[in-house]
Amino acid sequence: MKLRLCFLALILIPQVLNAQIPDVKIPYSIKQYFKLNRVSPELVCVDLFDHPETGRTIRVKIVSRRNETAKDLAIAFAAAAAVANMAEPDIELLWVEMEVNFKDNEITMALAPAKCTIDALIINCETERWWQDCLEFP
């Protein structure tokens, strides 16, 4: 019995360590991150597409709270980066569109390379470096 469990573990461990998220589950996975985080902004939609200039892109649209825009933007990028980290093939760009409902509807668009965001937010937890080195507002 013990030998069978060891053999089974040797077969399953590499598969678990190399688990990848297929394209069809990327939007669902990001939605789950938003659902599980009780302080996350309102998620409007998630898209995965091949942009002709930037490559594979995850686009997340959110509605932010007026006093929490920086935090909401970081939460959206962190959720997208966590999923992009496990995507196969690689994601090149993360794109967040944030709408703030205050007087006039204000929409902010932000872009960040996926690799830079994964390294800064997911692996090293350096949000200040991410704000300075990765994030762009076109």
Protein backbone atom coordinates (compact mmCIF):
# COMPACT_ATOMS: atom_id res chain seq x y z
CA MET A 1 0.00 0.00 0.00
CA LYS A 2 2.77 2.41 0.97
CA LEU A 3 4.65 1.63 -2.26
CA ARG A 4 1.51 2.37 -4.31
CA LEU A 5 1.07 5.76 -2.61
CA CYS A 6 4.71 6.69 -3.25
CA PHE A 7 4.38 5.66 -6.89
CA LEU A 8 1.15 7.63 -7.26
CA ALA A 9 2.77 10.68 -5.64
CA LEU A 10 5.73 10.48 -8.03
CA ILE A 11 3.32 10.53 -10.96
CA LEU A 12 1.02 13.30 -9.70
CA ILE A 13 3.50 15.79 -8.17
CA PRO A 14 5.08 16.89 -11.50
CA GLN A 15 1.62 17.36 -13.00
CA VAL A 16 0.50 19.53 -10.09
CA LEU A 17 3.70 21.59 -10.16
CA ASN A 18 3.37 22.21 -13.89
CA ALA A 19 -0.39 22.90 -13.81
CA GLN A 20 -1.34 25.44 -16.42
CA ILE A 21 -4.56 27.36 -16.92
CA PRO A 22 -6.02 26.89 -20.41
CA ASP A 23 -7.26 29.94 -22.32
CA VAL A 24 -10.94 29.12 -21.81
CA LYS A 25 -10.52 29.18 -18.00
CA ILE A 26 -8.52 32.42 -17.73
CA PRO A 27 -11.57 34.74 -17.49
CA TYR A 28 -13.28 32.37 -15.04
CA SER A 29 -10.16 32.20 -12.84
CA ILE A 30 -9.88 35.99 -12.65
CA LYS A 31 -13.58 36.24 -11.78
CA GLN A 32 -12.97 33.79 -8.94
CA TYR A 33 -10.17 35.98 -7.56
CA PHE A 34 -12.55 38.94 -7.50
CA LYS A 35 -15.32 36.87 -5.92
CA LEU A 36 -13.07 35.57 -3.13
CA ASN A 37 -11.64 38.99 -2.25
CA ARG A 38 -14.31 40.85 -0.30
CA VAL A 39 -12.62 44.27 -0.79
CA SER A 40 -12.21 43.94 -4.55
CA PRO A 41 -13.84 46.44 -6.92
CA GLU A 42 -16.82 45.56 -9.08
CA LEU A 43 -15.71 43.41 -12.01
CA VAL A 44 -17.42 44.25 -15.31
CA CYS A 45 -15.72 41.78 -17.66
CA VAL A 46 -12.52 39.93 -18.50
CA ASP A 47 -11.21 39.29 -22.02
CA LEU A 48 -8.27 37.34 -23.39
CA PHE A 49 -7.21 38.22 -26.92
CA ASP A 50 -4.24 38.35 -29.27
CA HIS A 51 -3.34 41.99 -29.89
CA PRO A 52 -1.51 42.48 -33.20
CA GLU A 53 1.17 44.72 -31.63
CA THR A 54 1.55 43.53 -28.06
CA GLY A 55 0.69 39.82 -28.25
CA ARG A 56 -1.50 37.86 -25.86
CA THR A 57 -3.37 40.30 -23.65
CA ILE A 58 -5.67 40.03 -20.66
CA ARG A 59 -8.09 42.96 -20.40
CA VAL A 60 -9.96 43.52 -17.13
CA LYS A 61 -12.73 46.13 -16.80
CA ILE A 62 -13.68 47.30 -13.30
CA VAL A 63 -15.81 49.92 -11.60
CA SER A 64 -13.76 51.52 -8.86
CA ARG A 65 -14.80 53.19 -5.66
CA ARG A 66 -14.02 56.89 -5.59
CA ASN A 67 -11.64 56.85 -2.62
CA GLU A 68 -10.02 53.50 -3.46
CA THR A 69 -8.86 53.92 -7.07
CA ALA A 70 -5.17 53.10 -6.49
CA LYS A 71 -6.03 50.06 -4.38
CA ASP A 72 -8.66 48.84 -6.85
CA LEU A 73 -6.22 49.20 -9.75
CA ALA A 74 -3.61 47.17 -7.88
CA ILE A 75 -6.15 44.47 -7.02
CA ALA A 76 -7.19 44.14 -10.67
CA PHE A 77 -3.59 43.87 -11.85
CA ALA A 78 -2.70 41.40 -9.09
CA ALA A 79 -5.60 39.11 -10.01
CA ALA A 80 -4.69 39.23 -13.70
CA ALA A 81 -0.99 38.66 -12.93
CA ALA A 82 -1.70 35.68 -10.68
CA VAL A 83 -3.63 33.99 -13.47
CA ALA A 84 -1.17 35.09 -16.18
CA ASN A 85 1.60 33.48 -14.16
CA MET A 86 -0.03 30.09 -14.73
CA ALA A 87 -1.20 30.62 -18.32
CA GLU A 88 0.21 28.63 -21.19
CA PRO A 89 1.28 30.06 -23.64
CA ASP A 90 2.61 33.15 -21.89
CA ILE A 91 0.63 36.37 -21.54
CA GLU A 92 2.56 39.46 -22.68
CA LEU A 93 0.37 42.37 -21.54
CA LEU A 94 -2.13 43.16 -18.78
CA TRP A 95 -4.67 45.89 -19.53
CA VAL A 96 -7.06 47.34 -16.94
CA GLU A 97 -9.88 49.76 -17.72
CA MET A 98 -11.19 51.41 -14.58
CA GLU A 99 -14.38 53.43 -14.44
CA VAL A 100 -14.89 55.74 -11.48
CA ASN A 101 -18.48 56.82 -10.83
CA PHE A 102 -18.10 60.33 -9.50
CA LYS A 103 -19.83 63.37 -11.04
CA ASP A 104 -18.69 62.64 -14.59
CA ASN A 105 -17.94 59.05 -15.46
CA GLU A 106 -14.18 58.97 -15.62
CA ILE A 107 -12.43 56.06 -17.33
CA THR A 108 -8.76 55.34 -16.75
CA MET A 109 -6.80 52.87 -18.81
CA ALA A 110 -3.57 51.33 -17.52
CA LEU A 111 -1.17 48.87 -19.12
CA ALA A 112 1.64 46.79 -17.69
CA PRO A 113 3.83 44.05 -19.12
CA ALA A 114 2.77 40.74 -17.61
CA LYS A 115 6.29 39.54 -16.78
CA CYS A 116 7.18 42.77 -14.95
CA THR A 117 3.88 42.68 -13.02
CA ILE A 118 4.27 39.02 -12.07
CA ASP A 119 7.83 39.63 -10.85
CA ALA A 120 6.94 42.75 -8.86
CA LEU A 121 3.48 41.94 -7.45
CA ILE A 122 3.30 38.15 -7.27
CA ILE A 123 6.87 36.96 -6.70
CA ASN A 124 8.56 39.85 -4.83
CA CYS A 125 5.53 41.75 -3.42
CA GLU A 126 7.10 45.11 -4.29
CA THR A 127 4.19 47.38 -5.11
CA GLU A 128 6.26 50.58 -5.23
CA ARG A 129 8.60 49.06 -7.81
CA TRP A 130 5.57 47.95 -9.81
CA TRP A 131 4.08 51.48 -9.75
CA GLN A 132 7.37 52.97 -10.96
CA ASP A 133 8.75 50.39 -13.38
CA CYS A 134 5.81 48.50 -14.85
CA LEU A 135 2.65 50.59 -14.88
CA GLU A 136 1.85 52.87 -17.82
CA PHE A 137 -1.08 55.21 -18.40
CA PRO A 138 -1.38 55.76 -22.17
